[in-house]
Amino acid sequence: MTEPLKLVLASASPRRLALLEQIGVTPDALLPASVDETPERNERPRTLALRLAEAKTRAGARLAAQDPALANALVLGADTVVAVGRRILPKPESEDEAADCLRLLSGRAHRVETAICVTTRKGALRSRLVETRVRFRRLSESEIAAYIQSGEWRGKAGGYAIQGLAGAFVAKLSGSYGAVVGLPLCETANLLTGEGYPLHRGWTATA
């Protein structure tokens, strides 16, 4: 009997794991790897997202190769970048930095560039980039202060989590909601099934 194709998620993000589980996919392993996320000089947001997604996938593949049970698994990596124009917003490390991000996003549109990457069974990489446009309503200083106090901004690109309290800030979204959270589901499903992953095997209803 042929062994089922396995999947490794090269991420420690609980949001990406939850999104995969939403479409019936449970990774066989989580193998996040440390990757320097510093943008290169004059690097565009979309280029950064693709570069980091591919770097995370390669790093995850190297880790998977060390485990005989995962040596032939597909490896999925992703990265999300928030940008205003060509300006790349950070994952804030302080309350002041997070507040500055929210003030910049207040009352205006921004782009969320999410790249996904998967290894092929021949060891190559296949990538996709999904751009989503998000517009925030105008935020008051008291709203910004309250959000900062929530702590939800920590570790989030652009200093907010759309799936959490910051959903109250979003006036309009054009594109993939899942991509803003961290994983575009349609494109992810297409990449996985294109490599032979049995995405639908867990969809059968049970009594």
N, C-alpha and C. Protein backbone atom coordinates (compact mmCIF):
# COMPACT_ATOMS: atom_id res chain seq x y z
N MET A 1 0.85 -1.20 0.00
CA MET A 1 0.00 0.00 0.00
C MET A 1 0.89 1.25 0.00
N THR A 2 0.55 2.20 -0.85
CA THR A 2 1.32 3.44 -0.93
C THR A 2 1.05 4.30 0.30
N GLU A 3 2.13 4.80 0.91
CA GLU A 3 1.98 5.64 2.10
C GLU A 3 1.35 6.97 1.72
N PRO A 4 0.35 7.44 2.48
CA PRO A 4 -0.30 8.72 2.17
C PRO A 4 0.72 9.86 2.17
N LEU A 5 0.54 10.79 1.27
CA LEU A 5 1.42 11.95 1.19
C LEU A 5 1.25 12.81 2.43
N LYS A 6 2.35 13.15 3.07
CA LYS A 6 2.30 13.92 4.30
C LYS A 6 2.56 15.41 4.02
N LEU A 7 2.16 16.23 5.00
CA LEU A 7 2.31 17.68 4.87
C LEU A 7 2.96 18.25 6.13
N VAL A 8 3.94 19.10 5.91
CA VAL A 8 4.60 19.84 6.99
C VAL A 8 4.27 21.32 6.84
N LEU A 9 3.85 21.94 7.92
CA LEU A 9 3.62 23.39 7.92
C LEU A 9 4.85 24.05 8.53
N ALA A 10 5.53 24.86 7.74
CA ALA A 10 6.75 25.53 8.19
C ALA A 10 6.38 26.84 8.88
N SER A 11 5.61 26.74 9.93
CA SER A 11 5.14 27.91 10.65
C SER A 11 4.69 27.51 12.04
N ALA A 12 4.86 28.45 12.98
CA ALA A 12 4.35 28.23 14.33
C ALA A 12 3.06 29.00 14.56
N SER A 13 2.54 29.62 13.51
CA SER A 13 1.37 30.49 13.63
C SER A 13 0.10 29.68 13.92
N PRO A 14 -0.54 29.90 15.05
CA PRO A 14 -1.81 29.21 15.31
C PRO A 14 -2.90 29.64 14.33
N ARG A 15 -2.78 30.83 13.78
CA ARG A 15 -3.77 31.31 12.80
C ARG A 15 -3.68 30.50 11.51
N ARG A 16 -2.47 30.26 11.03
CA ARG A 16 -2.32 29.49 9.80
C ARG A 16 -2.75 28.04 10.01
N LEU A 17 -2.45 27.51 11.17
CA LEU A 17 -2.88 26.14 11.47
C LEU A 17 -4.40 26.06 11.48
N ALA A 18 -5.06 27.04 12.10
CA ALA A 18 -6.52 27.04 12.16
C ALA A 18 -7.13 27.19 10.78
N LEU A 19 -6.52 27.99 9.92
CA LEU A 19 -7.03 28.16 8.56
C LEU A 19 -6.92 26.86 7.77
N LEU A 20 -5.80 26.17 7.91
CA LEU A 20 -5.67 24.87 7.24
C LEU A 20 -6.73 23.90 7.73
N GLU A 21 -6.93 23.87 9.03
CA GLU A 21 -7.93 22.96 9.59
C GLU A 21 -9.34 23.32 9.13
N GLN A 22 -9.56 24.58 8.80
CA GLN A 22 -10.87 25.02 8.29
C GLN A 22 -11.21 24.31 6.99
N ILE A 23 -10.18 24.03 6.17
CA ILE A 23 -10.44 23.35 4.90
C ILE A 23 -10.10 21.85 5.00
N GLY A 24 -10.09 21.34 6.23
CA GLY A 24 -9.95 19.91 6.44
C GLY A 24 -8.55 19.37 6.37
N VAL A 25 -7.55 20.25 6.53
CA VAL A 25 -6.15 19.82 6.44
C VAL A 25 -5.50 19.90 7.82
N THR A 26 -4.98 18.78 8.29
CA THR A 26 -4.22 18.75 9.53
C THR A 26 -2.79 18.35 9.20
N PRO A 27 -1.83 19.27 9.32
CA PRO A 27 -0.44 18.93 8.99
C PRO A 27 0.07 17.77 9.85
N ASP A 28 0.97 17.02 9.28
CA ASP A 28 1.57 15.91 10.02
C ASP A 28 2.65 16.41 10.98
N ALA A 29 3.16 17.61 10.73
CA ALA A 29 4.17 18.19 11.62
C ALA A 29 4.21 19.70 11.43
N LEU A 30 4.61 20.39 12.49
CA LEU A 30 4.86 21.82 12.44
C LEU A 30 6.36 22.02 12.62
N LEU A 31 7.01 22.58 11.62
CA LEU A 31 8.46 22.76 11.68
C LEU A 31 8.82 24.20 11.35
N PRO A 32 8.54 25.13 12.26
CA PRO A 32 8.92 26.52 12.02
C PRO A 32 10.43 26.68 12.10
N ALA A 33 10.97 27.56 11.29
CA ALA A 33 12.40 27.81 11.29
C ALA A 33 12.64 29.31 11.43
N SER A 34 13.72 29.67 12.05
CA SER A 34 14.05 31.08 12.24
C SER A 34 14.62 31.65 10.94
N VAL A 35 13.97 32.69 10.45
CA VAL A 35 14.39 33.35 9.21
C VAL A 35 14.48 34.85 9.47
N ASP A 36 15.55 35.48 9.02
CA ASP A 36 15.69 36.92 9.17
C ASP A 36 14.68 37.61 8.26
N GLU A 37 13.76 38.36 8.85
CA GLU A 37 12.69 38.99 8.08
C GLU A 37 12.99 40.45 7.73
N THR A 38 14.22 40.89 7.91
CA THR A 38 14.59 42.27 7.60
C THR A 38 14.49 42.52 6.10
N PRO A 39 13.75 43.53 5.66
CA PRO A 39 13.69 43.83 4.22
C PRO A 39 15.06 44.23 3.68
N GLU A 40 15.32 43.84 2.45
CA GLU A 40 16.54 44.28 1.80
C GLU A 40 16.37 45.73 1.32
N ARG A 41 17.47 46.37 1.02
CA ARG A 41 17.43 47.77 0.59
C ARG A 41 16.54 47.93 -0.63
N ASN A 42 15.57 48.83 -0.54
CA ASN A 42 14.64 49.16 -1.63
C ASN A 42 13.78 47.96 -2.06
N GLU A 43 13.65 46.97 -1.20
CA GLU A 43 12.84 45.79 -1.54
C GLU A 43 11.35 46.14 -1.53
N ARG A 44 10.64 45.71 -2.55
CA ARG A 44 9.20 45.95 -2.62
C ARG A 44 8.46 44.98 -1.69
N PRO A 45 7.29 45.40 -1.19
CA PRO A 45 6.53 44.54 -0.27
C PRO A 45 6.23 43.16 -0.82
N ARG A 46 5.79 43.08 -2.08
CA ARG A 46 5.44 41.78 -2.65
C ARG A 46 6.67 40.90 -2.83
N THR A 47 7.80 41.52 -3.17
CA THR A 47 9.05 40.77 -3.32
C THR A 47 9.50 40.22 -1.99
N LEU A 48 9.35 41.03 -0.94
CA LEU A 48 9.71 40.58 0.41
C LEU A 48 8.86 39.39 0.84
N ALA A 49 7.55 39.48 0.64
CA ALA A 49 6.65 38.40 1.04
C ALA A 49 7.02 37.09 0.34
N LEU A 50 7.28 37.16 -0.96
CA LEU A 50 7.66 35.96 -1.71
C LEU A 50 9.00 35.41 -1.23
N ARG A 51 9.96 36.28 -1.03
CA ARG A 51 11.29 35.83 -0.61
C ARG A 51 11.22 35.13 0.74
N LEU A 52 10.49 35.72 1.68
CA LEU A 52 10.41 35.13 3.01
C LEU A 52 9.61 33.82 3.02
N ALA A 53 8.53 33.76 2.24
CA ALA A 53 7.75 32.51 2.17
C ALA A 53 8.62 31.38 1.63
N GLU A 54 9.40 31.68 0.62
CA GLU A 54 10.27 30.66 0.04
C GLU A 54 11.39 30.28 0.99
N ALA A 55 11.94 31.27 1.71
CA ALA A 55 13.01 30.98 2.67
C ALA A 55 12.49 30.10 3.81
N LYS A 56 11.28 30.40 4.29
CA LYS A 56 10.69 29.59 5.36
C LYS A 56 10.41 28.17 4.88
N THR A 57 9.96 28.04 3.64
CA THR A 57 9.67 26.72 3.09
C THR A 57 10.95 25.90 2.94
N ARG A 58 12.00 26.53 2.43
CA ARG A 58 13.28 25.82 2.30
C ARG A 58 13.80 25.38 3.66
N ALA A 59 13.70 26.28 4.65
CA ALA A 59 14.17 25.95 5.99
C ALA A 59 13.37 24.80 6.58
N GLY A 60 12.05 24.83 6.38
CA GLY A 60 11.21 23.73 6.85
C GLY A 60 11.54 22.43 6.16
N ALA A 61 11.85 22.50 4.87
CA ALA A 61 12.20 21.29 4.12
C ALA A 61 13.51 20.69 4.63
N ARG A 62 14.46 21.55 4.99
CA ARG A 62 15.73 21.04 5.54
C ARG A 62 15.48 20.30 6.86
N LEU A 63 14.60 20.86 7.68
CA LEU A 63 14.27 20.20 8.95
C LEU A 63 13.54 18.88 8.71
N ALA A 64 12.60 18.88 7.76
CA ALA A 64 11.84 17.67 7.47
C ALA A 64 12.75 16.56 6.95
N ALA A 65 13.76 16.94 6.19
CA ALA A 65 14.66 15.94 5.61
C ALA A 65 15.44 15.18 6.67
N GLN A 66 15.52 15.74 7.87
CA GLN A 66 16.26 15.09 8.97
C GLN A 66 15.42 14.01 9.66
N ASP A 67 14.13 13.96 9.34
CA ASP A 67 13.23 12.98 9.94
C ASP A 67 12.79 12.00 8.86
N PRO A 68 13.20 10.74 8.95
CA PRO A 68 12.84 9.77 7.91
C PRO A 68 11.34 9.68 7.65
N ALA A 69 10.52 9.93 8.69
CA ALA A 69 9.07 9.85 8.52
C ALA A 69 8.51 11.01 7.70
N LEU A 70 9.32 12.08 7.56
CA LEU A 70 8.84 13.26 6.84
C LEU A 70 9.67 13.57 5.59
N ALA A 71 10.58 12.68 5.28
CA ALA A 71 11.54 12.96 4.20
C ALA A 71 10.87 13.25 2.87
N ASN A 72 9.71 12.65 2.60
CA ASN A 72 9.03 12.85 1.32
C ASN A 72 7.78 13.72 1.44
N ALA A 73 7.63 14.39 2.57
CA ALA A 73 6.44 15.22 2.79
C ALA A 73 6.50 16.52 1.98
N LEU A 74 5.33 17.04 1.65
CA LEU A 74 5.25 18.39 1.11
C LEU A 74 5.46 19.36 2.27
N VAL A 75 6.10 20.48 1.98
CA VAL A 75 6.33 21.51 3.00
C VAL A 75 5.67 22.81 2.54
N LEU A 76 4.86 23.38 3.41
CA LEU A 76 4.13 24.60 3.10
C LEU A 76 4.63 25.74 3.99
N GLY A 77 4.98 26.85 3.37
CA GLY A 77 5.39 28.04 4.12
C GLY A 77 4.63 29.25 3.63
N ALA A 78 4.60 30.31 4.44
CA ALA A 78 3.86 31.51 4.06
C ALA A 78 4.45 32.73 4.77
N ASP A 79 4.18 33.89 4.20
CA ASP A 79 4.58 35.13 4.86
C ASP A 79 3.59 36.23 4.47
N THR A 80 3.35 37.14 5.40
CA THR A 80 2.41 38.23 5.18
C THR A 80 3.09 39.57 5.45
N VAL A 81 2.93 40.49 4.51
CA VAL A 81 3.53 41.83 4.61
C VAL A 81 2.43 42.87 4.46
N VAL A 82 2.40 43.84 5.35
CA VAL A 82 1.45 44.95 5.28
C VAL A 82 2.20 46.18 4.78
N ALA A 83 1.61 46.87 3.80
CA ALA A 83 2.31 48.00 3.21
C ALA A 83 1.36 49.15 2.89
N VAL A 84 1.88 50.35 3.03
CA VAL A 84 1.21 51.56 2.57
C VAL A 84 2.11 52.14 1.49
N GLY A 85 1.64 52.09 0.23
CA GLY A 85 2.52 52.43 -0.87
C GLY A 85 3.67 51.43 -0.91
N ARG A 86 4.91 51.93 -0.95
CA ARG A 86 6.07 51.04 -0.92
C ARG A 86 6.62 50.89 0.49
N ARG A 87 5.97 51.55 1.44
CA ARG A 87 6.44 51.47 2.82
C ARG A 87 5.97 50.18 3.47
N ILE A 88 6.90 49.40 3.95
CA ILE A 88 6.60 48.13 4.61
C ILE A 88 6.44 48.39 6.10
N LEU A 89 5.28 48.02 6.63
CA LEU A 89 5.04 48.19 8.06
C LEU A 89 5.65 47.02 8.83
N PRO A 90 6.16 47.27 10.01
CA PRO A 90 6.82 46.22 10.78
C PRO A 90 5.83 45.35 11.55
N LYS A 91 6.37 44.33 12.18
CA LYS A 91 5.69 43.65 13.27
C LYS A 91 6.15 44.39 14.53
N PRO A 92 5.33 45.27 15.07
CA PRO A 92 5.80 46.16 16.13
C PRO A 92 6.37 45.42 17.33
N GLU A 93 7.40 46.03 17.89
CA GLU A 93 8.04 45.45 19.07
C GLU A 93 7.75 46.28 20.33
N SER A 94 7.06 47.40 20.15
CA SER A 94 6.73 48.24 21.30
C SER A 94 5.35 48.83 21.11
N GLU A 95 4.77 49.32 22.19
CA GLU A 95 3.45 49.95 22.11
C GLU A 95 3.49 51.20 21.24
N ASP A 96 4.56 51.97 21.34
CA ASP A 96 4.67 53.18 20.54
C ASP A 96 4.73 52.85 19.05
N GLU A 97 5.47 51.81 18.71
CA GLU A 97 5.59 51.41 17.30
C GLU A 97 4.24 50.91 16.78
N ALA A 98 3.52 50.17 17.60
CA ALA A 98 2.21 49.67 17.20
C ALA A 98 1.23 50.83 17.01
N ALA A 99 1.27 51.81 17.91
CA ALA A 99 0.39 52.97 17.80
C ALA A 99 0.70 53.76 16.53
N ASP A 100 1.98 53.87 16.18
CA ASP A 100 2.36 54.58 14.96
C ASP A 100 1.79 53.87 13.73
N CYS A 101 1.81 52.55 13.74
CA CYS A 101 1.24 51.79 12.62
C CYS A 101 -0.26 52.08 12.48
N LEU A 102 -0.98 52.05 13.59
CA LEU A 102 -2.42 52.28 13.54
C LEU A 102 -2.74 53.70 13.10
N ARG A 103 -1.96 54.66 13.53
CA ARG A 103 -2.19 56.05 13.08
C ARG A 103 -1.98 56.18 11.58
N LEU A 104 -0.99 55.46 11.06
CA LEU A 104 -0.73 55.49 9.62
C LEU A 104 -1.87 54.83 8.84
N LEU A 105 -2.43 53.77 9.38
CA LEU A 105 -3.49 53.04 8.69
C LEU A 105 -4.86 53.70 8.84
N SER A 106 -5.02 54.53 9.86
CA SER A 106 -6.31 55.16 10.15
C SER A 106 -6.85 55.96 8.98
N GLY A 107 -8.07 55.64 8.58
CA GLY A 107 -8.75 56.41 7.54
C GLY A 107 -8.21 56.24 6.14
N ARG A 108 -7.41 55.21 5.91
CA ARG A 108 -6.85 55.05 4.56
C ARG A 108 -6.77 53.58 4.18
N ALA A 109 -6.47 53.35 2.92
CA ALA A 109 -6.35 51.99 2.42
C ALA A 109 -4.89 51.54 2.49
N HIS A 110 -4.71 50.22 2.66
CA HIS A 110 -3.38 49.65 2.61
C HIS A 110 -3.45 48.30 1.92
N ARG A 111 -2.30 47.73 1.61
CA ARG A 111 -2.23 46.44 0.94
C ARG A 111 -1.66 45.39 1.88
N VAL A 112 -2.20 44.21 1.77
CA VAL A 112 -1.66 43.05 2.49
C VAL A 112 -1.19 42.05 1.44
N GLU A 113 0.11 41.83 1.41
CA GLU A 113 0.71 40.90 0.46
C GLU A 113 1.01 39.59 1.19
N THR A 114 0.34 38.52 0.79
CA THR A 114 0.58 37.22 1.42
C THR A 114 1.09 36.25 0.37
N ALA A 115 2.26 35.70 0.62
CA ALA A 115 2.86 34.72 -0.28
C ALA A 115 2.80 33.35 0.36
N ILE A 116 2.51 32.34 -0.46
CA ILE A 116 2.55 30.96 0.01
C ILE A 116 3.49 30.19 -0.91
N CYS A 117 4.09 29.16 -0.35
CA CYS A 117 5.07 28.37 -1.11
C CYS A 117 4.97 26.92 -0.67
N VAL A 118 5.07 26.01 -1.60
CA VAL A 118 5.05 24.58 -1.27
C VAL A 118 6.14 23.88 -2.06
N THR A 119 6.77 22.90 -1.41
CA THR A 119 7.74 22.09 -2.12
C THR A 119 7.02 21.11 -3.03
N THR A 120 7.63 20.77 -4.14
CA THR A 120 7.08 19.74 -5.01
C THR A 120 7.72 18.41 -4.63
N ARG A 121 7.17 17.34 -5.14
CA ARG A 121 7.74 16.02 -4.82
C ARG A 121 9.09 15.81 -5.51
N LYS A 122 9.45 16.72 -6.43
CA LYS A 122 10.76 16.66 -7.08
C LYS A 122 11.76 17.61 -6.43
N GLY A 123 11.32 18.27 -5.34
CA GLY A 123 12.24 19.14 -4.60
C GLY A 123 12.27 20.58 -5.06
N ALA A 124 11.42 20.94 -6.00
CA ALA A 124 11.35 22.34 -6.45
C ALA A 124 10.36 23.10 -5.57
N LEU A 125 10.17 24.38 -5.87
CA LEU A 125 9.22 25.20 -5.12
C LEU A 125 8.17 25.77 -6.06
N ARG A 126 6.94 25.83 -5.58
CA ARG A 126 5.86 26.51 -6.30
C ARG A 126 5.31 27.58 -5.37
N SER A 127 5.15 28.79 -5.89
CA SER A 127 4.73 29.92 -5.04
C SER A 127 3.56 30.66 -5.66
N ARG A 128 2.80 31.32 -4.80
CA ARG A 128 1.72 32.20 -5.22
C ARG A 128 1.73 33.44 -4.33
N LEU A 129 1.35 34.56 -4.90
CA LEU A 129 1.23 35.80 -4.14
C LEU A 129 -0.20 36.30 -4.25
N VAL A 130 -0.78 36.65 -3.13
CA VAL A 130 -2.15 37.16 -3.10
C VAL A 130 -2.14 38.56 -2.48
N GLU A 131 -2.67 39.52 -3.22
CA GLU A 131 -2.74 40.89 -2.72
C GLU A 131 -4.18 41.21 -2.32
N THR A 132 -4.35 41.72 -1.12
CA THR A 132 -5.66 42.12 -0.62
C THR A 132 -5.60 43.57 -0.20
N ARG A 133 -6.62 44.32 -0.55
CA ARG A 133 -6.69 45.73 -0.17
C ARG A 133 -7.66 45.89 0.99
N VAL A 134 -7.20 46.60 2.00
CA VAL A 134 -7.99 46.80 3.22
C VAL A 134 -8.06 48.29 3.51
N ARG A 135 -9.25 48.76 3.84
CA ARG A 135 -9.40 50.17 4.24
C ARG A 135 -9.89 50.23 5.69
N PHE A 136 -9.17 51.00 6.49
CA PHE A 136 -9.59 51.25 7.87
C PHE A 136 -10.45 52.49 7.92
N ARG A 137 -11.45 52.52 8.77
CA ARG A 137 -12.14 53.76 9.06
C ARG A 137 -11.20 54.63 9.90
N ARG A 138 -11.58 55.87 10.08
CA ARG A 138 -10.73 56.77 10.88
C ARG A 138 -10.80 56.35 12.35
N LEU A 139 -9.65 56.23 12.97
CA LEU A 139 -9.57 55.78 14.35
C LEU A 139 -9.28 56.95 15.28
N SER A 140 -9.95 56.98 16.42
CA SER A 140 -9.67 58.00 17.41
C SER A 140 -8.47 57.57 18.25
N GLU A 141 -7.87 58.54 18.92
CA GLU A 141 -6.74 58.22 19.78
C GLU A 141 -7.16 57.29 20.92
N SER A 142 -8.40 57.42 21.38
CA SER A 142 -8.85 56.54 22.46
C SER A 142 -9.01 55.11 21.96
N GLU A 143 -9.45 54.94 20.71
CA GLU A 143 -9.56 53.59 20.14
C GLU A 143 -8.18 52.96 19.97
N ILE A 144 -7.24 53.76 19.48
CA ILE A 144 -5.88 53.27 19.30
C ILE A 144 -5.29 52.86 20.65
N ALA A 145 -5.49 53.69 21.66
CA ALA A 145 -4.98 53.38 22.99
C ALA A 145 -5.59 52.11 23.55
N ALA A 146 -6.89 51.94 23.35
CA ALA A 146 -7.56 50.74 23.85
C ALA A 146 -7.04 49.49 23.15
N TYR A 147 -6.82 49.60 21.85
CA TYR A 147 -6.31 48.45 21.10
C TYR A 147 -4.90 48.10 21.55
N ILE A 148 -4.09 49.12 21.77
CA ILE A 148 -2.73 48.87 22.24
C ILE A 148 -2.76 48.15 23.58
N GLN A 149 -3.67 48.56 24.45
CA GLN A 149 -3.77 47.92 25.76
C GLN A 149 -4.22 46.47 25.68
N SER A 150 -4.92 46.12 24.60
CA SER A 150 -5.38 44.74 24.44
C SER A 150 -4.21 43.77 24.23
N GLY A 151 -3.10 44.29 23.69
CA GLY A 151 -1.95 43.44 23.42
C GLY A 151 -2.08 42.60 22.17
N GLU A 152 -3.20 42.73 21.46
CA GLU A 152 -3.45 41.90 20.29
C GLU A 152 -2.47 42.18 19.15
N TRP A 153 -1.88 43.34 19.15
CA TRP A 153 -0.98 43.77 18.07
C TRP A 153 0.36 43.03 18.08
N ARG A 154 0.71 42.42 19.19
CA ARG A 154 2.04 41.82 19.31
C ARG A 154 2.25 40.70 18.28
N GLY A 155 3.36 40.82 17.55
CA GLY A 155 3.71 39.80 16.57
C GLY A 155 2.91 39.84 15.29
N LYS A 156 2.10 40.89 15.10
CA LYS A 156 1.24 40.98 13.92
C LYS A 156 1.80 41.98 12.91
N ALA A 157 1.86 41.59 11.66
CA ALA A 157 2.30 42.50 10.61
C ALA A 157 1.38 43.70 10.56
N GLY A 158 1.96 44.90 10.57
CA GLY A 158 1.15 46.11 10.54
C GLY A 158 0.55 46.47 11.88
N GLY A 159 0.74 45.63 12.90
CA GLY A 159 0.28 45.94 14.24
C GLY A 159 -1.20 45.67 14.50
N TYR A 160 -1.81 44.79 13.70
CA TYR A 160 -3.22 44.47 13.97
C TYR A 160 -3.55 43.06 13.52
N ALA A 161 -4.62 42.51 14.09
CA ALA A 161 -5.12 41.19 13.73
C ALA A 161 -6.57 41.33 13.27
N ILE A 162 -6.81 41.15 11.99
CA ILE A 162 -8.15 41.37 11.45
C ILE A 162 -9.16 40.38 12.01
N GLN A 163 -8.70 39.19 12.40
CA GLN A 163 -9.61 38.18 12.93
C GLN A 163 -9.97 38.43 14.38
N GLY A 164 -9.40 39.47 14.98
CA GLY A 164 -9.66 39.78 16.37
C GLY A 164 -10.39 41.11 16.52
N LEU A 165 -10.00 41.85 17.55
CA LEU A 165 -10.66 43.12 17.85
C LEU A 165 -10.56 44.11 16.70
N ALA A 166 -9.47 44.07 15.95
CA ALA A 166 -9.26 45.03 14.86
C ALA A 166 -10.24 44.84 13.72
N GLY A 167 -11.01 43.78 13.74
CA GLY A 167 -12.07 43.65 12.74
C GLY A 167 -13.03 44.81 12.79
N ALA A 168 -13.13 45.46 13.94
CA ALA A 168 -14.01 46.62 14.09
C ALA A 168 -13.47 47.84 13.36
N PHE A 169 -12.21 47.79 12.92
CA PHE A 169 -11.60 48.94 12.23
C PHE A 169 -11.78 48.87 10.71
N VAL A 170 -12.15 47.71 10.20
CA VAL A 170 -12.13 47.49 8.75
C VAL A 170 -13.42 47.97 8.11
N ALA A 171 -13.30 49.00 7.27
CA ALA A 171 -14.46 49.54 6.56
C ALA A 171 -14.69 48.81 5.25
N LYS A 172 -13.61 48.31 4.64
CA LYS A 172 -13.75 47.65 3.34
C LYS A 172 -12.58 46.71 3.13
N LEU A 173 -12.88 45.57 2.49
CA LEU A 173 -11.84 44.61 2.16
C LEU A 173 -12.08 44.10 0.75
N SER A 174 -11.06 44.11 -0.07
CA SER A 174 -11.16 43.62 -1.44
C SER A 174 -10.07 42.58 -1.67
N GLY A 175 -10.47 41.33 -1.75
CA GLY A 175 -9.50 40.26 -1.92
C GLY A 175 -9.79 39.11 -0.98
N SER A 176 -8.76 38.53 -0.41
CA SER A 176 -8.88 37.33 0.41
C SER A 176 -8.77 37.66 1.89
N TYR A 177 -9.85 37.41 2.63
CA TYR A 177 -9.82 37.60 4.08
C TYR A 177 -8.79 36.66 4.71
N GLY A 178 -8.78 35.40 4.25
CA GLY A 178 -7.83 34.43 4.79
C GLY A 178 -6.39 34.88 4.61
N ALA A 179 -6.11 35.54 3.48
CA ALA A 179 -4.75 36.02 3.24
C ALA A 179 -4.34 37.06 4.25
N VAL A 180 -5.28 37.91 4.66
CA VAL A 180 -4.97 38.93 5.66
C VAL A 180 -4.71 38.28 7.02
N VAL A 181 -5.45 37.22 7.31
CA VAL A 181 -5.22 36.48 8.55
C VAL A 181 -3.87 35.76 8.49
N GLY A 182 -3.49 35.28 7.29
CA GLY A 182 -2.19 34.64 7.16
C GLY A 182 -2.07 33.54 6.13
N LEU A 183 -3.22 33.12 5.52
CA LEU A 183 -3.16 32.04 4.54
C LEU A 183 -4.36 32.13 3.60
N PRO A 184 -4.14 32.41 2.31
CA PRO A 184 -5.25 32.43 1.35
C PRO A 184 -5.69 31.01 1.04
N LEU A 185 -6.92 30.67 1.41
CA LEU A 185 -7.34 29.28 1.37
C LEU A 185 -7.49 28.72 -0.04
N CYS A 186 -8.06 29.50 -0.95
CA CYS A 186 -8.26 29.00 -2.31
C CYS A 186 -6.93 28.67 -2.97
N GLU A 187 -5.98 29.60 -2.89
CA GLU A 187 -4.68 29.39 -3.52
C GLU A 187 -3.90 28.27 -2.84
N THR A 188 -4.02 28.18 -1.52
CA THR A 188 -3.34 27.11 -0.79
C THR A 188 -3.89 25.75 -1.21
N ALA A 189 -5.21 25.64 -1.29
CA ALA A 189 -5.83 24.39 -1.71
C ALA A 189 -5.38 24.00 -3.11
N ASN A 190 -5.31 24.98 -4.00
CA ASN A 190 -4.89 24.70 -5.38
C ASN A 190 -3.44 24.21 -5.44
N LEU A 191 -2.56 24.84 -4.66
CA LEU A 191 -1.16 24.41 -4.66
C LEU A 191 -1.03 22.98 -4.13
N LEU A 192 -1.73 22.68 -3.04
CA LEU A 192 -1.61 21.36 -2.44
C LEU A 192 -2.18 20.27 -3.35
N THR A 193 -3.37 20.50 -3.89
CA THR A 193 -3.96 19.48 -4.77
C THR A 193 -3.15 19.33 -6.05
N GLY A 194 -2.54 20.43 -6.50
CA GLY A 194 -1.70 20.36 -7.69
C GLY A 194 -0.48 19.47 -7.50
N GLU A 195 -0.06 19.30 -6.25
CA GLU A 195 1.06 18.41 -5.94
C GLU A 195 0.61 17.03 -5.48
N GLY A 196 -0.68 16.76 -5.61
CA GLY A 196 -1.18 15.43 -5.29
C GLY A 196 -1.60 15.23 -3.86
N TYR A 197 -1.67 16.32 -3.07
CA TYR A 197 -2.08 16.16 -1.69
C TYR A 197 -3.58 15.88 -1.63
N PRO A 198 -3.99 14.85 -0.88
CA PRO A 198 -5.42 14.47 -0.84
C PRO A 198 -6.23 15.40 0.06
N LEU A 199 -6.45 16.59 -0.38
CA LEU A 199 -7.10 17.63 0.41
C LEU A 199 -8.49 17.20 0.91
N HIS A 200 -9.20 16.43 0.10
CA HIS A 200 -10.60 16.13 0.42
C HIS A 200 -10.79 14.84 1.22
N ARG A 201 -9.69 14.20 1.60
CA ARG A 201 -9.86 12.90 2.26
C ARG A 201 -10.55 13.01 3.62
N GLY A 202 -10.50 14.19 4.24
CA GLY A 202 -11.13 14.34 5.54
C GLY A 202 -12.50 15.00 5.47
N TRP A 203 -13.02 15.13 4.26
CA TRP A 203 -14.30 15.83 4.10
C TRP A 203 -15.51 14.91 4.25
N THR A 204 -15.29 13.63 4.30
CA THR A 204 -16.42 12.69 4.36
C THR A 204 -17.13 12.81 5.70
N ALA A 205 -18.43 12.99 5.65
CA ALA A 205 -19.21 13.10 6.87
C ALA A 205 -19.23 11.76 7.60
N THR A 206 -19.17 11.85 8.92
CA THR A 206 -19.25 10.64 9.73
C THR A 206 -20.48 10.69 10.61
N ALA A 207 -21.05 9.54 10.86
CA ALA A 207 -22.28 9.48 11.65
C ALA A 207 -21.98 9.80 13.11
